[in-house]
Amino acid sequence: MQLVVARVGRAHGIKGEVTVEVRTDEPELRLGPGAVLATDPASAGPLTIETGRVHSGRLLLRFEGVRDRNGAEALRNTLLIAEVDPDDKPEDPDEYYDHQLMDLDVVLEDGTEVGRITEISHLPSQDLFVVERADGTEVLIPFVEEIVVEIDLEKQRAVIDPPPGLIDDRAEIASSRDAENSSGDDENTSRSDENTSAGDEA
């Protein structure tokens, strides 16, 4: 199985090095010297990592056969793809590969169905679940422990506790509750803040 492990950024210096946006929690394993990576677009690869180093908090890579800035710039925005055994799992039990999360059912804590994970979007600040709802619309769910409270691979589901406004139905419910409270009903039950931690994708 193939997994995206990094995206090539801008060239660094004049000797063929590039910055990379790391998309794996195991960079030492996936992006070490000697690693052979497929690419998207396929015409850019395969690429073999020759050297790697961290500079000012960023990972810099140099690939075999890329010796100057022009060659490095030509690789900009290329996705680096590693071949991974589908039975492999990250060492940290709270981390997951994308393929483990794809097609999971997304439900609220009370069991209400939200939709199904169709894509994992990796942004610099955080990862997002792209969730397709029954009506065909999509909603973006940040993969953070405050919102994704449980990943149950056996039951093939992700349990979420979204804040008001993240999901339309949840916003409507919050508005209804506000209306009830303003009409004189003082009863208010707060949701527990206890969460089960969920890790980022490797």
N, C-alpha and C. Protein backbone atom coordinates (compact mmCIF):
# COMPACT_ATOMS: atom_id res chain seq x y z
N MET A 1 0.84 -1.19 0.00
CA MET A 1 0.00 0.00 0.00
C MET A 1 0.88 1.24 0.00
N GLN A 2 0.45 2.25 -0.76
CA GLN A 2 1.23 3.47 -0.88
C GLN A 2 0.66 4.58 -0.01
N LEU A 3 1.56 5.28 0.69
CA LEU A 3 1.16 6.38 1.56
C LEU A 3 1.99 7.62 1.25
N VAL A 4 1.34 8.77 1.22
CA VAL A 4 2.07 10.03 1.04
C VAL A 4 2.79 10.36 2.34
N VAL A 5 4.11 10.54 2.27
CA VAL A 5 4.90 10.81 3.47
C VAL A 5 5.48 12.22 3.50
N ALA A 6 5.45 12.92 2.38
CA ALA A 6 5.99 14.29 2.36
C ALA A 6 5.62 14.98 1.06
N ARG A 7 5.74 16.30 1.09
CA ARG A 7 5.58 17.11 -0.13
C ARG A 7 6.81 17.99 -0.27
N VAL A 8 7.38 18.02 -1.45
CA VAL A 8 8.57 18.82 -1.70
C VAL A 8 8.21 20.30 -1.74
N GLY A 9 9.01 21.09 -1.03
CA GLY A 9 8.82 22.54 -1.03
C GLY A 9 9.82 23.22 -1.94
N ARG A 10 10.28 24.38 -1.52
CA ARG A 10 11.18 25.17 -2.36
C ARG A 10 12.61 24.64 -2.27
N ALA A 11 13.41 25.03 -3.24
CA ALA A 11 14.83 24.68 -3.23
C ALA A 11 15.53 25.42 -2.11
N HIS A 12 16.60 24.79 -1.59
CA HIS A 12 17.40 25.41 -0.52
C HIS A 12 18.86 25.41 -0.98
N GLY A 13 19.40 26.59 -1.15
CA GLY A 13 20.78 26.68 -1.60
C GLY A 13 20.92 26.36 -3.08
N ILE A 14 22.15 26.04 -3.48
CA ILE A 14 22.44 25.84 -4.91
C ILE A 14 22.93 24.43 -5.21
N LYS A 15 22.87 23.53 -4.22
CA LYS A 15 23.43 22.19 -4.42
C LYS A 15 22.38 21.09 -4.50
N GLY A 16 21.13 21.47 -4.77
CA GLY A 16 20.11 20.46 -5.01
C GLY A 16 19.25 20.08 -3.83
N GLU A 17 19.47 20.73 -2.69
CA GLU A 17 18.63 20.41 -1.53
C GLU A 17 17.25 21.04 -1.67
N VAL A 18 16.26 20.38 -1.05
CA VAL A 18 14.90 20.91 -1.04
C VAL A 18 14.35 20.86 0.38
N THR A 19 13.47 21.79 0.69
CA THR A 19 12.71 21.69 1.94
C THR A 19 11.56 20.72 1.68
N VAL A 20 11.10 20.05 2.74
CA VAL A 20 9.96 19.15 2.58
C VAL A 20 8.95 19.38 3.71
N GLU A 21 7.70 19.25 3.35
CA GLU A 21 6.61 19.28 4.32
C GLU A 21 6.35 17.83 4.72
N VAL A 22 6.74 17.48 5.93
CA VAL A 22 6.65 16.09 6.39
C VAL A 22 5.20 15.74 6.69
N ARG A 23 4.76 14.58 6.20
CA ARG A 23 3.40 14.12 6.43
C ARG A 23 3.38 12.73 7.05
N THR A 24 4.41 12.43 7.81
CA THR A 24 4.47 11.16 8.51
C THR A 24 5.02 11.40 9.91
N ASP A 25 4.58 10.58 10.85
CA ASP A 25 5.13 10.67 12.21
C ASP A 25 6.38 9.82 12.36
N GLU A 26 6.82 9.21 11.27
CA GLU A 26 8.01 8.37 11.30
C GLU A 26 9.00 8.82 10.23
N PRO A 27 9.45 10.08 10.27
CA PRO A 27 10.35 10.57 9.22
C PRO A 27 11.68 9.84 9.19
N GLU A 28 12.16 9.39 10.36
CA GLU A 28 13.44 8.67 10.37
C GLU A 28 13.34 7.38 9.58
N LEU A 29 12.16 6.75 9.60
CA LEU A 29 11.96 5.49 8.89
C LEU A 29 11.63 5.72 7.42
N ARG A 30 10.76 6.67 7.14
CA ARG A 30 10.26 6.85 5.77
C ARG A 30 11.12 7.77 4.92
N LEU A 31 11.87 8.68 5.57
CA LEU A 31 12.60 9.70 4.82
C LEU A 31 14.09 9.69 5.12
N GLY A 32 14.62 8.52 5.45
CA GLY A 32 16.04 8.39 5.73
C GLY A 32 16.86 8.18 4.47
N PRO A 33 18.18 8.41 4.53
CA PRO A 33 19.05 8.18 3.38
C PRO A 33 18.89 6.76 2.86
N GLY A 34 18.80 6.64 1.54
CA GLY A 34 18.64 5.34 0.91
C GLY A 34 17.20 4.98 0.60
N ALA A 35 16.25 5.70 1.19
CA ALA A 35 14.83 5.41 0.93
C ALA A 35 14.50 5.73 -0.52
N VAL A 36 13.78 4.82 -1.16
CA VAL A 36 13.35 5.00 -2.55
C VAL A 36 11.85 5.30 -2.53
N LEU A 37 11.47 6.43 -3.10
CA LEU A 37 10.09 6.90 -3.00
C LEU A 37 9.48 7.09 -4.38
N ALA A 38 8.24 6.64 -4.51
CA ALA A 38 7.46 6.96 -5.70
C ALA A 38 7.02 8.42 -5.60
N THR A 39 6.52 8.96 -6.69
CA THR A 39 6.15 10.38 -6.70
C THR A 39 4.81 10.60 -7.40
N ASP A 40 4.23 11.73 -7.08
CA ASP A 40 3.05 12.22 -7.78
C ASP A 40 3.32 13.68 -8.11
N PRO A 41 3.55 14.00 -9.40
CA PRO A 41 3.37 13.17 -10.59
C PRO A 41 4.43 12.08 -10.71
N ALA A 42 4.03 10.96 -11.32
CA ALA A 42 4.92 9.81 -11.43
C ALA A 42 6.16 10.13 -12.25
N SER A 43 6.03 11.08 -13.18
CA SER A 43 7.16 11.42 -14.05
C SER A 43 8.34 12.01 -13.29
N ALA A 44 8.13 12.47 -12.07
CA ALA A 44 9.20 13.07 -11.28
C ALA A 44 10.08 12.03 -10.59
N GLY A 45 9.67 10.81 -10.55
CA GLY A 45 10.38 9.79 -9.79
C GLY A 45 10.62 8.52 -10.56
N PRO A 46 11.00 7.46 -9.85
CA PRO A 46 11.19 7.43 -8.39
C PRO A 46 12.41 8.23 -7.95
N LEU A 47 12.41 8.62 -6.69
CA LEU A 47 13.51 9.40 -6.13
C LEU A 47 14.15 8.64 -4.98
N THR A 48 15.47 8.65 -4.96
CA THR A 48 16.23 8.03 -3.87
C THR A 48 16.86 9.12 -3.01
N ILE A 49 16.57 9.07 -1.72
CA ILE A 49 17.12 10.09 -0.81
C ILE A 49 18.61 9.83 -0.59
N GLU A 50 19.41 10.86 -0.85
CA GLU A 50 20.86 10.76 -0.67
C GLU A 50 21.28 11.25 0.70
N THR A 51 20.77 12.42 1.09
CA THR A 51 21.09 12.98 2.41
C THR A 51 19.86 13.66 2.99
N GLY A 52 19.87 13.80 4.29
CA GLY A 52 18.80 14.52 4.98
C GLY A 52 19.36 15.21 6.21
N ARG A 53 18.87 16.41 6.48
CA ARG A 53 19.31 17.12 7.68
C ARG A 53 18.23 18.13 8.07
N VAL A 54 18.26 18.52 9.33
CA VAL A 54 17.31 19.51 9.83
C VAL A 54 18.00 20.86 9.89
N HIS A 55 17.36 21.88 9.32
CA HIS A 55 17.92 23.23 9.31
C HIS A 55 16.82 24.21 9.69
N SER A 56 17.03 24.95 10.78
CA SER A 56 16.05 25.94 11.26
C SER A 56 14.66 25.33 11.42
N GLY A 57 14.65 24.11 11.92
CA GLY A 57 13.38 23.45 12.20
C GLY A 57 12.73 22.78 11.00
N ARG A 58 13.38 22.81 9.85
CA ARG A 58 12.83 22.19 8.65
C ARG A 58 13.73 21.05 8.18
N LEU A 59 13.09 20.02 7.64
CA LEU A 59 13.84 18.91 7.08
C LEU A 59 14.27 19.25 5.66
N LEU A 60 15.55 19.09 5.39
CA LEU A 60 16.09 19.29 4.05
C LEU A 60 16.54 17.95 3.50
N LEU A 61 16.16 17.67 2.26
CA LEU A 61 16.56 16.43 1.60
C LEU A 61 17.30 16.74 0.31
N ARG A 62 18.20 15.82 -0.04
CA ARG A 62 18.81 15.87 -1.36
C ARG A 62 18.65 14.49 -1.99
N PHE A 63 18.25 14.48 -3.25
CA PHE A 63 18.00 13.22 -3.94
C PHE A 63 19.13 12.90 -4.91
N GLU A 64 19.35 11.62 -5.11
CA GLU A 64 20.38 11.19 -6.07
C GLU A 64 20.05 11.75 -7.45
N GLY A 65 21.06 12.31 -8.09
CA GLY A 65 20.88 12.84 -9.43
C GLY A 65 20.43 14.29 -9.49
N VAL A 66 20.09 14.87 -8.35
CA VAL A 66 19.68 16.28 -8.31
C VAL A 66 20.84 17.08 -7.72
N ARG A 67 21.49 17.86 -8.55
CA ARG A 67 22.75 18.47 -8.13
C ARG A 67 22.74 20.00 -8.09
N ASP A 68 21.66 20.62 -8.57
CA ASP A 68 21.66 22.08 -8.60
C ASP A 68 20.28 22.62 -8.26
N ARG A 69 20.20 23.94 -8.15
CA ARG A 69 18.96 24.58 -7.74
C ARG A 69 17.84 24.38 -8.77
N ASN A 70 18.19 24.38 -10.06
CA ASN A 70 17.17 24.19 -11.08
C ASN A 70 16.52 22.82 -10.96
N GLY A 71 17.34 21.81 -10.72
CA GLY A 71 16.80 20.46 -10.55
C GLY A 71 15.92 20.37 -9.32
N ALA A 72 16.32 21.06 -8.26
CA ALA A 72 15.53 21.05 -7.02
C ALA A 72 14.20 21.77 -7.22
N GLU A 73 14.24 22.92 -7.90
CA GLU A 73 13.01 23.68 -8.13
C GLU A 73 12.02 22.91 -9.00
N ALA A 74 12.53 22.06 -9.89
CA ALA A 74 11.66 21.28 -10.76
C ALA A 74 10.83 20.27 -9.98
N LEU A 75 11.26 19.95 -8.76
CA LEU A 75 10.54 18.98 -7.93
C LEU A 75 9.52 19.63 -7.01
N ARG A 76 9.43 20.94 -7.05
CA ARG A 76 8.55 21.64 -6.11
C ARG A 76 7.10 21.16 -6.22
N ASN A 77 6.48 20.92 -5.06
CA ASN A 77 5.10 20.44 -4.93
C ASN A 77 4.92 18.97 -5.29
N THR A 78 6.01 18.27 -5.55
CA THR A 78 5.92 16.83 -5.80
C THR A 78 5.60 16.10 -4.49
N LEU A 79 4.67 15.16 -4.55
CA LEU A 79 4.36 14.33 -3.39
C LEU A 79 5.29 13.13 -3.36
N LEU A 80 5.81 12.82 -2.18
CA LEU A 80 6.68 11.67 -1.99
C LEU A 80 5.88 10.54 -1.37
N ILE A 81 5.95 9.36 -1.98
CA ILE A 81 5.07 8.25 -1.63
C ILE A 81 5.89 7.03 -1.26
N ALA A 82 5.62 6.47 -0.08
CA ALA A 82 6.33 5.28 0.40
C ALA A 82 5.43 4.05 0.28
N GLU A 83 6.06 2.93 0.01
CA GLU A 83 5.35 1.65 -0.03
C GLU A 83 5.32 1.10 1.39
N VAL A 84 4.13 0.82 1.91
CA VAL A 84 3.97 0.38 3.30
C VAL A 84 3.15 -0.90 3.33
N ASP A 85 3.59 -1.85 4.14
CA ASP A 85 2.82 -3.08 4.35
C ASP A 85 1.48 -2.70 4.97
N PRO A 86 0.34 -3.11 4.38
CA PRO A 86 -0.96 -2.72 4.94
C PRO A 86 -1.20 -3.24 6.35
N ASP A 87 -0.42 -4.25 6.77
CA ASP A 87 -0.56 -4.78 8.12
C ASP A 87 0.28 -4.02 9.14
N ASP A 88 1.17 -3.14 8.65
CA ASP A 88 1.99 -2.35 9.56
C ASP A 88 1.13 -1.34 10.31
N LYS A 89 1.53 -1.05 11.54
CA LYS A 89 0.85 -0.04 12.35
C LYS A 89 1.90 0.87 12.98
N PRO A 90 1.59 2.14 13.19
CA PRO A 90 2.55 3.03 13.87
C PRO A 90 2.88 2.51 15.26
N GLU A 91 4.08 2.84 15.73
CA GLU A 91 4.49 2.38 17.05
C GLU A 91 3.63 2.99 18.15
N ASP A 92 3.24 4.24 18.00
CA ASP A 92 2.37 4.90 18.98
C ASP A 92 0.93 4.45 18.76
N PRO A 93 0.29 3.87 19.78
CA PRO A 93 -1.09 3.38 19.62
C PRO A 93 -2.10 4.47 19.32
N ASP A 94 -1.74 5.74 19.56
CA ASP A 94 -2.65 6.84 19.29
C ASP A 94 -2.40 7.48 17.93
N GLU A 95 -1.59 6.84 17.10
CA GLU A 95 -1.32 7.33 15.76
C GLU A 95 -1.89 6.34 14.74
N TYR A 96 -2.25 6.86 13.57
CA TYR A 96 -2.89 6.03 12.56
C TYR A 96 -2.37 6.39 11.18
N TYR A 97 -2.35 5.39 10.31
CA TYR A 97 -2.08 5.66 8.91
C TYR A 97 -3.39 6.07 8.24
N ASP A 98 -3.27 6.79 7.13
CA ASP A 98 -4.47 7.25 6.43
C ASP A 98 -5.40 6.10 6.08
N HIS A 99 -4.83 5.00 5.59
CA HIS A 99 -5.69 3.91 5.12
C HIS A 99 -6.49 3.28 6.26
N GLN A 100 -6.01 3.41 7.50
CA GLN A 100 -6.78 2.89 8.63
C GLN A 100 -8.01 3.74 8.92
N LEU A 101 -7.95 5.01 8.55
CA LEU A 101 -9.04 5.94 8.87
C LEU A 101 -10.04 6.11 7.74
N MET A 102 -9.61 5.79 6.52
CA MET A 102 -10.51 5.95 5.39
C MET A 102 -11.73 5.06 5.53
N ASP A 103 -12.88 5.60 5.18
CA ASP A 103 -14.17 4.89 5.17
C ASP A 103 -14.72 4.60 6.56
N LEU A 104 -14.10 5.14 7.62
CA LEU A 104 -14.70 4.97 8.94
C LEU A 104 -16.00 5.76 9.01
N ASP A 105 -16.99 5.19 9.71
CA ASP A 105 -18.22 5.92 9.98
C ASP A 105 -17.94 6.95 11.07
N VAL A 106 -18.47 8.14 10.91
CA VAL A 106 -18.31 9.21 11.90
C VAL A 106 -19.64 9.40 12.61
N VAL A 107 -19.61 9.29 13.94
CA VAL A 107 -20.83 9.41 14.74
C VAL A 107 -20.59 10.35 15.90
N LEU A 108 -21.68 10.94 16.41
CA LEU A 108 -21.61 11.72 17.64
C LEU A 108 -21.57 10.77 18.83
N GLU A 109 -21.30 11.30 20.01
CA GLU A 109 -21.21 10.46 21.20
C GLU A 109 -22.52 9.76 21.53
N ASP A 110 -23.64 10.33 21.08
CA ASP A 110 -24.93 9.69 21.34
C ASP A 110 -25.31 8.70 20.25
N GLY A 111 -24.39 8.47 19.30
CA GLY A 111 -24.64 7.50 18.24
C GLY A 111 -25.21 8.08 16.97
N THR A 112 -25.54 9.36 16.97
CA THR A 112 -26.09 10.00 15.76
C THR A 112 -25.06 9.95 14.63
N GLU A 113 -25.49 9.47 13.47
CA GLU A 113 -24.58 9.35 12.34
C GLU A 113 -24.31 10.71 11.71
N VAL A 114 -23.04 10.97 11.44
CA VAL A 114 -22.64 12.21 10.78
C VAL A 114 -22.31 11.96 9.32
N GLY A 115 -21.55 10.89 9.05
CA GLY A 115 -21.17 10.58 7.68
C GLY A 115 -20.04 9.57 7.65
N ARG A 116 -19.25 9.63 6.57
CA ARG A 116 -18.16 8.67 6.36
C ARG A 116 -16.92 9.42 5.91
N ILE A 117 -15.76 9.03 6.45
CA ILE A 117 -14.49 9.66 6.07
C ILE A 117 -14.12 9.24 4.65
N THR A 118 -14.00 10.21 3.76
CA THR A 118 -13.64 9.93 2.38
C THR A 118 -12.24 10.40 2.01
N GLU A 119 -11.66 11.24 2.87
CA GLU A 119 -10.33 11.78 2.57
C GLU A 119 -9.71 12.32 3.85
N ILE A 120 -8.37 12.24 3.92
CA ILE A 120 -7.62 12.87 5.01
C ILE A 120 -6.84 14.03 4.40
N SER A 121 -7.10 15.24 4.86
CA SER A 121 -6.42 16.42 4.34
C SER A 121 -5.33 16.84 5.32
N HIS A 122 -4.09 16.87 4.85
CA HIS A 122 -2.95 17.21 5.70
C HIS A 122 -2.56 18.66 5.48
N LEU A 123 -2.83 19.48 6.46
CA LEU A 123 -2.47 20.90 6.41
C LEU A 123 -1.29 21.16 7.34
N PRO A 124 -0.57 22.26 7.14
CA PRO A 124 0.57 22.54 8.02
C PRO A 124 0.19 22.62 9.49
N SER A 125 -1.01 23.14 9.79
CA SER A 125 -1.40 23.34 11.18
C SER A 125 -2.03 22.11 11.81
N GLN A 126 -2.75 21.32 11.02
CA GLN A 126 -3.45 20.15 11.55
C GLN A 126 -3.95 19.29 10.41
N ASP A 127 -4.39 18.08 10.76
CA ASP A 127 -5.01 17.19 9.79
C ASP A 127 -6.53 17.33 9.88
N LEU A 128 -7.20 17.10 8.76
CA LEU A 128 -8.66 17.21 8.71
C LEU A 128 -9.26 15.94 8.14
N PHE A 129 -10.38 15.50 8.70
CA PHE A 129 -11.19 14.47 8.09
C PHE A 129 -12.15 15.15 7.11
N VAL A 130 -12.19 14.68 5.89
CA VAL A 130 -13.23 15.11 4.95
C VAL A 130 -14.34 14.07 5.06
N VAL A 131 -15.48 14.49 5.58
CA VAL A 131 -16.58 13.57 5.88
C VAL A 131 -17.75 13.84 4.94
N GLU A 132 -18.16 12.79 4.23
CA GLU A 132 -19.31 12.89 3.33
C GLU A 132 -20.57 12.50 4.08
N ARG A 133 -21.56 13.37 4.04
CA ARG A 133 -22.81 13.12 4.73
C ARG A 133 -23.79 12.39 3.82
N ALA A 134 -24.89 11.91 4.39
CA ALA A 134 -25.86 11.11 3.64
C ALA A 134 -26.44 11.88 2.46
N ASP A 135 -26.53 13.21 2.58
CA ASP A 135 -27.11 14.01 1.50
C ASP A 135 -26.09 14.41 0.44
N GLY A 136 -24.85 13.89 0.58
CA GLY A 136 -23.81 14.17 -0.40
C GLY A 136 -22.96 15.37 -0.10
N THR A 137 -23.33 16.17 0.90
CA THR A 137 -22.51 17.31 1.28
C THR A 137 -21.31 16.85 2.10
N GLU A 138 -20.32 17.72 2.22
CA GLU A 138 -19.11 17.39 2.96
C GLU A 138 -18.92 18.33 4.14
N VAL A 139 -18.32 17.81 5.20
CA VAL A 139 -17.97 18.62 6.36
C VAL A 139 -16.54 18.29 6.74
N LEU A 140 -15.78 19.28 7.19
CA LEU A 140 -14.38 19.10 7.58
C LEU A 140 -14.30 19.00 9.10
N ILE A 141 -13.69 17.92 9.58
CA ILE A 141 -13.55 17.68 11.01
C ILE A 141 -12.07 17.72 11.39
N PRO A 142 -11.61 18.69 12.19
CA PRO A 142 -10.21 18.69 12.63
C PRO A 142 -9.89 17.43 13.44
N PHE A 143 -8.78 16.79 13.12
CA PHE A 143 -8.37 15.58 13.82
C PHE A 143 -7.56 15.98 15.05
N VAL A 144 -8.26 16.47 16.05
CA VAL A 144 -7.66 16.87 17.32
C VAL A 144 -8.43 16.19 18.44
N GLU A 145 -7.75 15.95 19.57
CA GLU A 145 -8.36 15.16 20.63
C GLU A 145 -9.56 15.83 21.27
N GLU A 146 -9.64 17.16 21.18
CA GLU A 146 -10.79 17.84 21.75
C GLU A 146 -12.07 17.55 20.97
N ILE A 147 -11.94 17.15 19.71
CA ILE A 147 -13.10 16.90 18.86
C ILE A 147 -13.26 15.42 18.54
N VAL A 148 -12.18 14.77 18.12
CA VAL A 148 -12.24 13.33 17.83
C VAL A 148 -11.90 12.60 19.12
N VAL A 149 -12.94 12.14 19.81
CA VAL A 149 -12.75 11.60 21.16
C VAL A 149 -12.45 10.11 21.16
N GLU A 150 -12.70 9.43 20.04
CA GLU A 150 -12.41 7.99 20.00
C GLU A 150 -12.28 7.51 18.56
N ILE A 151 -11.27 6.67 18.33
CA ILE A 151 -11.15 5.95 17.07
C ILE A 151 -11.28 4.47 17.40
N ASP A 152 -12.29 3.82 16.87
CA ASP A 152 -12.54 2.40 17.14
C ASP A 152 -12.42 1.65 15.82
N LEU A 153 -11.21 1.08 15.59
CA LEU A 153 -10.97 0.40 14.33
C LEU A 153 -11.76 -0.90 14.23
N GLU A 154 -12.02 -1.55 15.35
CA GLU A 154 -12.80 -2.79 15.32
C GLU A 154 -14.23 -2.52 14.87
N LYS A 155 -14.81 -1.46 15.36
CA LYS A 155 -16.18 -1.10 14.98
C LYS A 155 -16.22 -0.20 13.75
N GLN A 156 -15.01 0.14 13.24
CA GLN A 156 -14.90 0.97 12.05
C GLN A 156 -15.66 2.30 12.19
N ARG A 157 -15.34 3.00 13.29
CA ARG A 157 -16.01 4.27 13.48
C ARG A 157 -15.11 5.26 14.21
N ALA A 158 -15.40 6.54 13.99
CA ALA A 158 -14.75 7.63 14.71
C ALA A 158 -15.84 8.39 15.46
N VAL A 159 -15.66 8.55 16.76
CA VAL A 159 -16.64 9.24 17.60
C VAL A 159 -16.17 10.67 17.80
N ILE A 160 -17.05 11.63 17.55
CA ILE A 160 -16.67 13.03 17.66
C ILE A 160 -17.59 13.79 18.61
N ASP A 161 -17.04 14.85 19.19
CA ASP A 161 -17.80 15.77 20.03
C ASP A 161 -17.55 17.18 19.49
N PRO A 162 -18.21 17.56 18.40
CA PRO A 162 -17.92 18.83 17.74
C PRO A 162 -18.49 20.02 18.48
N PRO A 163 -17.80 21.15 18.42
CA PRO A 163 -18.35 22.37 19.03
C PRO A 163 -19.50 22.90 18.18
N PRO A 164 -20.39 23.70 18.76
CA PRO A 164 -21.49 24.28 18.00
C PRO A 164 -20.97 25.05 16.79
N GLY A 165 -21.61 24.80 15.65
CA GLY A 165 -21.22 25.49 14.43
C GLY A 165 -20.35 24.67 13.51
N LEU A 166 -19.66 23.64 14.03
CA LEU A 166 -18.81 22.82 13.17
C LEU A 166 -19.65 21.98 12.22
N ILE A 167 -20.75 21.48 12.75
CA ILE A 167 -21.69 20.70 11.95
C ILE A 167 -23.02 21.45 11.96
N ASP A 168 -23.64 21.61 10.83
CA ASP A 168 -24.86 22.42 10.72
C ASP A 168 -25.93 22.00 11.71
N ASP A 169 -26.18 20.69 11.78
CA ASP A 169 -27.23 20.20 12.68
C ASP A 169 -26.94 20.61 14.11
N ARG A 170 -25.61 20.56 14.47
CA ARG A 170 -25.21 20.90 15.83
C ARG A 170 -25.50 22.37 16.10
N ALA A 171 -25.28 23.22 15.09
CA ALA A 171 -25.55 24.65 15.25
C ALA A 171 -27.04 24.89 15.44
N GLU A 172 -27.88 24.14 14.70
CA GLU A 172 -29.32 24.29 14.83
C GLU A 172 -29.79 23.87 16.22
N ILE A 173 -29.20 22.76 16.72
CA ILE A 173 -29.54 22.30 18.06
C ILE A 173 -29.18 23.35 19.10
N ALA A 174 -27.97 23.96 18.94
CA ALA A 174 -27.53 24.98 19.89
C ALA A 174 -28.47 26.17 19.86
N SER A 175 -28.94 26.56 18.66
CA SER A 175 -29.85 27.69 18.56
C SER A 175 -31.18 27.39 19.24
N SER A 176 -31.64 26.14 19.09
CA SER A 176 -32.90 25.74 19.72
C SER A 176 -32.77 25.78 21.23
N ARG A 177 -31.62 25.33 21.73
CA ARG A 177 -31.41 25.33 23.18
C ARG A 177 -31.36 26.76 23.71
N ASP A 178 -30.71 27.65 22.95
CA ASP A 178 -30.64 29.05 23.37
C ASP A 178 -32.04 29.65 23.46
N ALA A 179 -32.89 29.30 22.49
CA ALA A 179 -34.25 29.82 22.49
C ALA A 179 -35.03 29.31 23.69
N GLU A 180 -34.82 28.02 24.02
CA GLU A 180 -35.52 27.44 25.17
C GLU A 180 -35.06 28.11 26.46
N ASN A 181 -33.74 28.34 26.57
CA ASN A 181 -33.21 28.96 27.78
C ASN A 181 -33.73 30.39 27.94
N SER A 182 -33.86 31.10 26.82
CA SER A 182 -34.32 32.49 26.91
C SER A 182 -35.80 32.57 27.27
N SER A 183 -36.54 31.43 27.08
CA SER A 183 -37.97 31.46 27.38
C SER A 183 -38.25 31.16 28.84
N GLY A 184 -37.20 30.97 29.66
CA GLY A 184 -37.40 30.81 31.09
C GLY A 184 -36.99 29.47 31.64
N ASP A 185 -36.58 28.56 30.77
CA ASP A 185 -36.14 27.25 31.23
C ASP A 185 -34.68 27.37 31.66
N ASP A 186 -34.39 27.28 32.97
CA ASP A 186 -33.04 27.49 33.49
C ASP A 186 -32.22 26.21 33.50
N GLU A 187 -32.79 25.06 33.14
CA GLU A 187 -32.06 23.80 33.21
C GLU A 187 -30.99 23.78 32.14
N ASN A 188 -29.78 23.41 32.52
CA ASN A 188 -28.68 23.40 31.57
C ASN A 188 -27.73 22.28 31.96
N THR A 189 -27.53 21.32 31.06
CA THR A 189 -26.64 20.20 31.31
C THR A 189 -25.39 20.38 30.48
N SER A 190 -24.21 20.41 31.12
CA SER A 190 -22.96 20.61 30.40
C SER A 190 -22.37 19.27 30.00
N ARG A 191 -21.75 19.25 28.82
CA ARG A 191 -21.11 18.04 28.32
C ARG A 191 -19.77 17.83 29.02
N SER A 192 -19.44 16.58 29.32
CA SER A 192 -18.17 16.26 29.97
C SER A 192 -17.02 16.62 29.06
N ASP A 193 -15.93 17.12 29.66
CA ASP A 193 -14.74 17.46 28.88
C ASP A 193 -13.76 16.32 28.76
N GLU A 194 -14.08 15.17 29.34
CA GLU A 194 -13.15 14.05 29.31
C GLU A 194 -13.05 13.51 27.90
N ASN A 195 -11.81 13.38 27.41
CA ASN A 195 -11.59 12.93 26.04
C ASN A 195 -10.63 11.75 26.00
N THR A 196 -10.80 10.91 24.97
CA THR A 196 -9.81 9.90 24.65
C THR A 196 -8.91 10.48 23.59
N SER A 197 -7.60 10.48 23.81
CA SER A 197 -6.69 11.16 22.89
C SER A 197 -6.65 10.44 21.56
N ALA A 198 -6.48 11.22 20.50
CA ALA A 198 -6.36 10.68 19.15
C ALA A 198 -5.16 11.30 18.50
N GLY A 199 -4.33 10.50 17.84
CA GLY A 199 -3.08 11.01 17.29
C GLY A 199 -3.22 11.39 15.83
N ASP A 200 -2.13 12.06 15.22
CA ASP A 200 -2.12 12.44 13.84
C ASP A 200 -1.69 11.25 13.01
N GLU A 201 -2.00 11.30 11.65
CA GLU A 201 -1.68 10.28 10.70
C GLU A 201 -0.21 10.26 10.37
N ALA A 202 0.19 8.93 10.14
CA ALA A 202 1.55 8.82 9.71
C ALA A 202 1.62 8.75 8.23
